[in-house]
C-alpha atoms as a PDB file:
ATOM      1  CA  MET A   1      93.387  76.774  58.223  1.00  0.00           C
ATOM      2  CA  SER A   2      89.908  78.280  58.167  1.00  0.00           C
ATOM      3  CA  LEU A   3      90.719  81.820  57.006  1.00  0.00           C
ATOM      4  CA  ASP A   4      88.924  82.690  53.776  1.00  0.00           C
ATOM      5  CA  PRO A   5      91.448  84.358  51.420  1.00  0.00           C
ATOM      6  CA  ALA A   6      88.771  86.906  50.511  1.00  0.00           C
ATOM      7  CA  ASP A   7      88.956  88.188  54.080  1.00  0.00           C
ATOM      8  CA  LEU A   8      92.733  88.648  53.804  1.00  0.00           C
ATOM      9  CA  ALA A   9      92.949  90.265  50.372  1.00  0.00           C
ATOM     10  CA  ASP A  10      92.359  93.862  51.443  1.00  0.00           C
ATOM     11  CA  GLU A  11      94.184  93.685  54.779  1.00  0.00           C
ATOM     12  CA  LEU A  12      97.334  92.250  53.202  1.00  0.00           C
ATOM     13  CA  ARG A  13      97.040  94.134  49.885  1.00  0.00           C
ATOM     14  CA  LEU A  14      97.246  90.899  47.918  1.00  0.00           C
ATOM     15  CA  ASP A  15      97.768  91.148  44.161  1.00  0.00           C
ATOM     16  CA  ILE A  16      97.352  87.437  43.428  1.00  0.00           C
ATOM     17  CA  VAL A  17      95.551  84.694  45.351  1.00  0.00           C
ATOM     18  CA  SER A  18      96.479  81.203  44.187  1.00  0.00           C
ATOM     19  CA  TYR A  19      95.950  79.425  47.505  1.00  0.00           C
ATOM     20  CA  ASP A  20      93.558  76.509  47.049  1.00  0.00           C
ATOM     21  CA  TYR A  21      91.277  77.205  50.011  1.00  0.00           C
ATOM     22  CA  THR A  22      89.561  74.395  51.875  1.00  0.00           C
ATOM     23  CA  PRO A  23      88.603  75.018  55.528  1.00  0.00           C
ATOM     24  CA  ARG A  24      90.545  72.694  57.823  1.00  0.00           C
ATOM     25  CA  TYR A  25      90.728  72.487  61.602  1.00  0.00           C
ATOM     26  CA  ASN A  26      93.390  69.813  62.091  1.00  0.00           C
ATOM     27  CA  VAL A  27      96.431  70.469  59.936  1.00  0.00           C
ATOM     28  CA  PRO A  28      99.503  68.227  60.415  1.00  0.00           C
ATOM     29  CA  PRO A  29     102.926  68.712  58.807  1.00  0.00           C
ATOM     30  CA  GLY A  30     102.856  67.642  55.171  1.00  0.00           C
ATOM     31  CA  SER A  31      99.556  69.448  54.593  1.00  0.00           C
ATOM     32  CA  PHE A  32      99.181  72.361  52.200  1.00  0.00           C
ATOM     33  CA  VAL A  33      98.985  75.752  53.907  1.00  0.00           C
ATOM     34  CA  PRO A  34      98.780  79.401  52.780  1.00  0.00           C
ATOM     35  CA  ILE A  35     101.853  81.624  52.699  1.00  0.00           C
ATOM     36  CA  VAL A  36     102.163  85.344  51.941  1.00  0.00           C
ATOM     37  CA  VAL A  37     105.141  86.113  49.700  1.00  0.00           C
ATOM     38  CA  GLU A  38     106.442  88.892  47.490  1.00  0.00           C
ATOM     39  CA  ARG A  39     107.847  87.807  44.114  1.00  0.00           C
ATOM     40  CA  LEU A  40     108.585  89.371  40.740  1.00  0.00           C
ATOM     41  CA  ASP A  41     106.060  88.568  38.018  1.00  0.00           C
ATOM     42  CA  ASP A  42     106.933  87.836  34.382  1.00  0.00           C
ATOM     43  CA  ASP A  43     107.101  91.577  33.686  1.00  0.00           C
ATOM     44  CA  GLY A  44     109.494  92.228  36.550  1.00  0.00           C
ATOM     45  CA  ARG A  45     106.895  93.802  38.815  1.00  0.00           C
ATOM     46  CA  LEU A  46     106.879  92.992  42.512  1.00  0.00           C
ATOM     47  CA  THR A  47     103.621  91.301  43.447  1.00  0.00           C
ATOM     48  CA  ARG A  48     102.245  90.179  46.779  1.00  0.00           C
ATOM     49  CA  ARG A  49     100.748  86.716  46.612  1.00  0.00           C
ATOM     50  CA  LEU A  50      98.895  84.210  48.749  1.00  0.00           C
ATOM     51  CA  GLU A  51     100.397  80.916  47.601  1.00  0.00           C
ATOM     52  CA  THR A  52      99.891  77.276  48.515  1.00  0.00           C
ATOM     53  CA  ALA A  53     102.871  75.549  50.159  1.00  0.00           C
ATOM     54  CA  SER A  54     103.570  72.133  51.621  1.00  0.00           C
ATOM     55  CA  TRP A  55     104.250  72.434  55.353  1.00  0.00           C
ATOM     56  CA  GLY A  56     107.776  71.051  55.792  1.00  0.00           C
ATOM     57  CA  LEU A  57     110.693  72.704  53.992  1.00  0.00           C
ATOM     58  CA  VAL A  58     112.235  70.767  51.114  1.00  0.00           C
ATOM     59  CA  PRO A  59     115.508  72.419  49.997  1.00  0.00           C
ATOM     60  CA  GLY A  60     116.391  72.485  46.323  1.00  0.00           C
ATOM     61  CA  TRP A  61     119.254  70.026  46.829  1.00  0.00           C
ATOM     62  CA  ALA A  62     117.097  67.368  48.535  1.00  0.00           C
ATOM     63  CA  LYS A  63     116.848  63.967  46.846  1.00  0.00           C
ATOM     64  CA  ASP A  64     113.179  63.599  47.792  1.00  0.00           C
ATOM     65  CA  THR A  65     110.465  65.300  49.811  1.00  0.00           C
ATOM     66  CA  LYS A  66     110.806  63.132  52.937  1.00  0.00           C
ATOM     67  CA  ILE A  67     113.222  65.616  54.452  1.00  0.00           C
ATOM     68  CA  GLY A  68     110.325  68.051  54.789  1.00  0.00           C
ATOM     69  CA  PHE A  69     108.770  66.023  57.605  1.00  0.00           C
ATOM     70  CA  LYS A  70     111.812  66.912  59.733  1.00  0.00           C
ATOM     71  CA  ALA A  71     111.748  70.585  58.782  1.00  0.00           C
ATOM     72  CA  PHE A  72     108.261  71.868  59.575  1.00  0.00           C
ATOM     73  CA  ASN A  73     109.859  74.180  62.173  1.00  0.00           C
ATOM     74  CA  ALA A  74     113.118  76.148  62.067  1.00  0.00           C
ATOM     75  CA  ARG A  75     114.795  77.298  65.275  1.00  0.00           C
ATOM     76  CA  SER A  76     115.421  81.039  65.111  1.00  0.00           C
ATOM     77  CA  GLU A  77     118.591  80.601  67.171  1.00  0.00           C
ATOM     78  CA  THR A  78     120.310  78.575  64.405  1.00  0.00           C
ATOM     79  CA  VAL A  79     118.394  79.506  61.246  1.00  0.00           C
ATOM     80  CA  LEU A  80     121.237  81.686  59.920  1.00  0.00           C
ATOM     81  CA  GLU A  81     123.740  78.812  60.043  1.00  0.00           C
ATOM     82  CA  LYS A  82     121.810  75.611  59.298  1.00  0.00           C
ATOM     83  CA  PRO A  83     122.463  74.464  55.683  1.00  0.00           C
ATOM     84  CA  MET A  84     118.763  73.817  55.134  1.00  0.00           C
ATOM     85  CA  PHE A  85     117.681  77.313  56.162  1.00  0.00           C
ATOM     86  CA  ARG A  86     120.531  79.754  55.596  1.00  0.00           C
ATOM     87  CA  GLN A  87     119.610  80.467  51.956  1.00  0.00           C
ATOM     88  CA  PRO A  88     115.839  80.777  52.440  1.00  0.00           C
ATOM     89  CA  ILE A  89     116.301  83.138  55.397  1.00  0.00           C
ATOM     90  CA  LYS A  90     118.256  85.455  53.091  1.00  0.00           C
ATOM     91  CA  ARG A  91     115.970  85.408  50.062  1.00  0.00           C
ATOM     92  CA  ARG A  92     112.719  83.537  50.671  1.00  0.00           C
ATOM     93  CA  ARG A  93     110.877  84.718  53.767  1.00  0.00           C
ATOM     94  CA  CYS A  94     107.119  84.459  54.084  1.00  0.00           C
ATOM     95  CA  ALA A  95     104.276  84.924  56.538  1.00  0.00           C
ATOM     96  CA  LEU A  96     101.683  82.288  57.403  1.00  0.00           C
ATOM     97  CA  PRO A  97      98.236  83.696  58.282  1.00  0.00           C
ATOM     98  CA  VAL A  98      96.237  81.414  60.586  1.00  0.00           C
ATOM     99  CA  PRO A  99      93.265  81.823  62.932  1.00  0.00           C
ATOM    100  CA  GLY A 100      95.139  79.799  65.538  1.00  0.00           C
ATOM    101  CA  TYR A 101      97.273  76.776  66.271  1.00  0.00           C
ATOM    102  CA  TYR A 102      97.379  73.890  68.716  1.00  0.00           C
ATOM    103  CA  GLU A 103     100.039  73.223  71.317  1.00  0.00           C
ATOM    104  CA  TRP A 104     100.326  70.323  73.727  1.00  0.00           C
ATOM    105  CA  GLU A 105     100.986  70.595  77.444  1.00  0.00           C
ATOM    106  CA  THR A 106     102.538  67.584  79.169  1.00  0.00           C
ATOM    107  CA  THR A 107     100.576  66.783  82.338  1.00  0.00           C
ATOM    108  CA  GLU A 108     100.396  63.876  84.776  1.00  0.00           C
ATOM    109  CA  GLU A 109      97.230  62.755  82.983  1.00  0.00           C
ATOM    110  CA  GLY A 110      98.903  62.851  79.571  1.00  0.00           C
ATOM    111  CA  LYS A 111      99.113  65.521  76.911  1.00  0.00           C
ATOM    112  CA  GLN A 112      96.509  68.276  76.992  1.00  0.00           C
ATOM    113  CA  PRO A 113      95.974  70.266  73.763  1.00  0.00           C
ATOM    114  CA  TRP A 114      95.459  74.011  73.821  1.00  0.00           C
ATOM    115  CA  MET A 115      94.157  76.317  71.124  1.00  0.00           C
ATOM    116  CA  MET A 116      96.249  79.454  70.727  1.00  0.00           C
ATOM    117  CA  SER A 117      94.720  82.391  68.864  1.00  0.00           C
ATOM    118  CA  ALA A 118      95.120  86.134  68.523  1.00  0.00           C
ATOM    119  CA  ALA A 119      93.422  88.212  71.159  1.00  0.00           C
ATOM    120  CA  GLY A 120      90.442  89.924  69.549  1.00  0.00           C
ATOM    121  CA  GLY A 121      89.915  87.253  66.918  1.00  0.00           C
ATOM    122  CA  ASP A 122      92.274  88.691  64.302  1.00  0.00           C
ATOM    123  CA  PRO A 123      94.536  86.399  62.279  1.00  0.00           C
ATOM    124  CA  LEU A 124      97.865  85.328  63.693  1.00  0.00           C
ATOM    125  CA  PHE A 125     100.824  85.866  61.406  1.00  0.00           C
ATOM    126  CA  MET A 126     103.786  83.526  61.803  1.00  0.00           C
ATOM    127  CA  ALA A 127     107.245  84.171  60.379  1.00  0.00           C
ATOM    128  CA  GLY A 128     108.239  81.502  57.910  1.00  0.00           C
ATOM    129  CA  LEU A 129     110.591  80.552  55.108  1.00  0.00           C
ATOM    130  CA  PHE A 130     109.777  78.983  51.765  1.00  0.00           C
ATOM    131  CA  GLU A 131     111.659  77.016  49.156  1.00  0.00           C
ATOM    132  CA  PHE A 132     111.269  75.502  45.666  1.00  0.00           C
ATOM    133  CA  TRP A 133     111.958  71.868  44.772  1.00  0.00           C
ATOM    134  CA  LYS A 134     111.772  70.466  41.244  1.00  0.00           C
ATOM    135  CA  GLN A 135     109.550  67.398  41.134  1.00  0.00           C
ATOM    136  CA  PRO A 136     110.081  64.398  38.848  1.00  0.00           C
ATOM    137  CA  ASP A 137     107.466  65.784  36.424  1.00  0.00           C
ATOM    138  CA  GLN A 138     109.539  69.016  36.281  1.00  0.00           C
ATOM    139  CA  SER A 139     106.881  71.060  38.098  1.00  0.00           C
ATOM    140  CA  TRP A 140     107.844  72.983  41.217  1.00  0.00           C
ATOM    141  CA  LEU A 141     106.840  72.098  44.762  1.00  0.00           C
ATOM    142  CA  VAL A 142     106.632  75.103  47.072  1.00  0.00           C
ATOM    143  CA  SER A 143     107.302  74.216  50.711  1.00  0.00           C
ATOM    144  CA  THR A 144     107.486  76.187  53.924  1.00  0.00           C
ATOM    145  CA  THR A 145     108.635  76.083  57.533  1.00  0.00           C
ATOM    146  CA  ILE A 146     107.653  78.106  60.603  1.00  0.00           C
ATOM    147  CA  LEU A 147     110.255  79.905  62.710  1.00  0.00           C
ATOM    148  CA  THR A 148     110.173  79.160  66.426  1.00  0.00           C
ATOM    149  CA  MET A 149     111.727  80.714  69.502  1.00  0.00           C
ATOM    150  CA  GLU A 150     111.878  80.107  73.232  1.00  0.00           C
ATOM    151  CA  ALA A 151     108.419  80.499  74.730  1.00  0.00           C
ATOM    152  CA  ALA A 152     107.729  83.556  76.855  1.00  0.00           C
ATOM    153  CA  GLY A 153     104.951  84.908  79.028  1.00  0.00           C
ATOM    154  CA  HIS A 154     101.955  82.692  79.670  1.00  0.00           C
ATOM    155  CA  LEU A 155     102.757  80.539  76.616  1.00  0.00           C
ATOM    156  CA  GLN A 156     105.707  78.962  78.419  1.00  0.00           C
ATOM    157  CA  ASP A 157     103.211  77.409  80.838  1.00  0.00           C
ATOM    158  CA  VAL A 158     102.119  75.146  77.982  1.00  0.00           C
ATOM    159  CA  HIS A 159     105.293  74.489  75.965  1.00  0.00           C
ATOM    160  CA  HIS A 160     108.930  75.592  75.939  1.00  0.00           C
ATOM    161  CA  ARG A 161     108.790  76.753  72.294  1.00  0.00           C
ATOM    162  CA  MET A 162     106.444  79.033  70.380  1.00  0.00           C
ATOM    163  CA  PRO A 163     106.148  80.364  66.824  1.00  0.00           C
ATOM    164  CA  VAL A 164     107.751  83.671  65.926  1.00  0.00           C
ATOM    165  CA  PHE A 165     104.663  85.884  65.662  1.00  0.00           C
ATOM    166  CA  LEU A 166     104.556  88.904  63.382  1.00  0.00           C
ATOM    167  CA  ASP A 167     102.358  91.851  64.202  1.00  0.00           C
ATOM    168  CA  ARG A 168     100.654  93.287  61.144  1.00  0.00           C
ATOM    169  CA  GLY A 169     103.226  96.053  60.856  1.00  0.00           C
ATOM    170  CA  ALA A 170     106.104  93.566  60.815  1.00  0.00           C
ATOM    171  CA  VAL A 171     104.747  91.435  57.961  1.00  0.00           C
ATOM    172  CA  ASP A 172     105.818  93.866  55.218  1.00  0.00           C
ATOM    173  CA  GLY A 173     109.437  94.049  56.343  1.00  0.00           C
ATOM    174  CA  TRP A 174     109.746  90.313  56.961  1.00  0.00           C
ATOM    175  CA  ILE A 175     108.633  89.260  53.467  1.00  0.00           C
ATOM    176  CA  ASP A 176     110.548  92.023  51.615  1.00  0.00           C
ATOM    177  CA  PRO A 177     112.747  90.175  49.054  1.00  0.00           C
ATOM    178  CA  ALA A 178     114.855  93.244  48.313  1.00  0.00           C
ATOM    179  CA  LEU A 179     116.857  93.089  51.550  1.00  0.00           C
ATOM    180  CA  SER A 180     120.554  92.330  51.242  1.00  0.00           C
ATOM    181  CA  SER A 181     122.163  89.417  53.071  1.00  0.00           C
ATOM    182  CA  ALA A 182     123.769  91.885  55.493  1.00  0.00           C
ATOM    183  CA  GLU A 183     120.349  93.257  56.442  1.00  0.00           C
ATOM    184  CA  VAL A 184     118.880  89.864  57.349  1.00  0.00           C
ATOM    185  CA  PRO A 185     120.499  89.319  60.806  1.00  0.00           C
ATOM    186  CA  PRO A 186     119.281  92.737  62.070  1.00  0.00           C
ATOM    187  CA  LEU A 187     115.856  91.962  60.585  1.00  0.00           C
ATOM    188  CA  LEU A 188     115.746  88.670  62.465  1.00  0.00           C
ATOM    189  CA  ASP A 189     116.766  90.353  65.729  1.00  0.00           C
ATOM    190  CA  ALA A 190     114.141  93.063  65.285  1.00  0.00           C
ATOM    191  CA  THR A 191     111.488  90.481  64.446  1.00  0.00           C
ATOM    192  CA  LEU A 192     112.232  88.443  67.555  1.00  0.00           C
ATOM    193  CA  SER A 193     112.232  91.534  69.767  1.00  0.00           C
ATOM    194  CA  GLN A 194     108.710  92.561  68.697  1.00  0.00           C
ATOM    195  CA  VAL A 195     107.071  89.222  69.552  1.00  0.00           C
ATOM    196  CA  ASP A 196     104.456  89.783  72.254  1.00  0.00           C
ATOM    197  CA  PRO A 197     103.045  86.609  73.858  1.00  0.00           C
ATOM    198  CA  ALA A 198     100.372  88.738  75.515  1.00  0.00           C
ATOM    199  CA  SER A 199      98.834  89.239  72.071  1.00  0.00           C
ATOM    200  CA  VAL A 200      97.961  85.523  72.034  1.00  0.00           C
ATOM    201  CA  THR A 201      95.114  84.020  74.035  1.00  0.00           C
ATOM    202  CA  ARG A 202      94.588  80.319  74.746  1.00  0.00           C
ATOM    203  CA  HIS A 203      92.033  77.778  75.882  1.00  0.00           C
ATOM    204  CA  LYS A 204      91.952  74.012  76.360  1.00  0.00           C
ATOM    205  CA  VAL A 205      90.423  71.929  73.577  1.00  0.00           C
ATOM    206  CA  SER A 206      89.363  68.307  73.144  1.00  0.00           C
ATOM    207  CA  LYS A 207      92.010  65.596  72.923  1.00  0.00           C
ATOM    208  CA  ASN A 208      90.266  64.521  69.722  1.00  0.00           C
ATOM    209  CA  VAL A 209      92.573  66.927  67.937  1.00  0.00           C
ATOM    210  CA  GLY A 210      95.349  64.396  68.537  1.00  0.00           C
ATOM    211  CA  ASN A 211      93.913  62.224  65.750  1.00  0.00           C
ATOM    212  CA  VAL A 212      94.453  63.896  62.355  1.00  0.00           C
ATOM    213  CA  ARG A 213      91.414  62.083  60.977  1.00  0.00           C
ATOM    214  CA  ASN A 214      89.244  64.314  63.129  1.00  0.00           C
ATOM    215  CA  ASP A 215      88.599  67.599  61.340  1.00  0.00           C
ATOM    216  CA  GLY A 216      85.856  70.076  62.169  1.00  0.00           C
ATOM    217  CA  PRO A 217      85.210  73.396  63.915  1.00  0.00           C
ATOM    218  CA  GLU A 218      84.227  71.567  67.114  1.00  0.00           C
ATOM    219  CA  LEU A 219      87.930  70.814  67.635  1.00  0.00           C
ATOM    220  CA  THR A 220      88.533  74.498  68.412  1.00  0.00           C
ATOM    221  CA  ALA A 221      85.783  74.731  71.048  1.00  0.00           C
ATOM    222  CA  PRO A 222      86.856  75.306  74.679  1.00  0.00           C
ATOM    223  CA  VAL A 223      86.676  72.432  77.150  1.00  0.00           C
ATOM    224  CA  ARG A 224      87.218  72.357  80.895  1.00  0.00           C
END
């Protein structure tokens, strides 16, 4: 999470930036991450925002936030039916802009982490969902989850799952809150069909990333 919101404002046509930016290079579930959403403001105008969300979806009916640690990913194959996700997929879709993410390959020597990033150094956009949960102090917790799909191309050499990537042109349609429920399944199908694993590059990184206490740009450096 090392993307400066100032660098995203023009590209994403952001109206409001409320994401509390702190560069981080080792971001586990439960951390706060940026999400791009479109919501109505107090005057009824549609605004595009970069908001802060807790990574791990907490549905409105949850008794506490612990459920979020089991819902940092949502399988695209079942997202339309799962009770936790079937409402957010209809009304609360978001995009997560990141410079890259880590994935672990299981080898005979143990797990080897890889850094996945967009070819050319542009941000990666991941399809996500978001939700609101009323906290005991009556404030609202915003939480999010990342959609995943079966890995394809060279990414399946590392892991059998991968995020649902959005190209820049697909971000606008994915986060559009005006779509009807009937339009969501075709949107999901179209989103999955445009995912191109060749747009993602990868390199091995240090196993130090396996300890969340380690946090620094050196974690993203290539190793042999």
